[in-house]
Amino acid sequence: MKKFVLLLFVSFLTYNFAFAQSFEKGDILIDAGIGLGIYATEVTTEISGVKSKETDGTASVIIPLKAQYGISNKFSVGIVFQPENYIEDSDSVNINNEDFKGSTFRFIGTYYIINKDKFNLNAELGIGLASLDQSAEDENGDKFRADWRGSSFTIGLGIKYYFTESIGFFANTIYSTYSFNLDEISANGTSFKTDDWEARFSGAQISAGLAVKF
């Protein structure tokens, strides 16, 4: 009889070890972190019917805020809001008080490739809306502003490790693309709309932070 009870106990432990998962259907997941984006850029402008194209690069500090819901033991869906502060590298002595920032709101789907007791490896796909806002002053104190609007697409891999049942750590590497059109440009309060200028950003985003599960 004792052997029978012991066998049941060992079987129970083995079953739970084999099937314990860090993510399950019905879970609510909240992630908040910080990271870096590095992009190749391409800007197309048109002045008096003459088009020109300039390629360059830029980097940004990103603050991804993510909420997801488990629709099965393998898939979750959710939303991401991500502010970005771009790192200025202008070498013009005539430009002051530059501010270059953006934000993204996108819908995401996540597939859990590996789903263990405390650890998971996941693949993410996202699509959404993006904005880019630039402002500066010249040496005479004249203020300029450009507002860009467009879309974003992301695909990437992430890991999560839970220290407790509900608190853990995440790290993501994502390939991201942005497609912008210049929506409005203004100088000293006088503005006009245009969609003749375009900007394309593409590159990698790396982020890490706190993961919470309910």
Foldseek 3Di string as FASTA:
>chain_A
DVVVVVVVVVVVVVVCQVPAFLAFAFKKKKWWWKWKWKKKKKKWAADPRDIDIDIDIWMWIKIKIWIWGHRGGFKIKTKIKMKIWIDDDDPDPFKADKGKIKMWIKIKMKTWPDTGNFKTKIKMKIKTKMKIKIWIATPVRKIKIWIKIWMKIKIWMKMWGAPDSWKTKMKIKMKMKTKIFTAKMDINPDMDGDRRMIMMIIGMMIIMGMMGMD
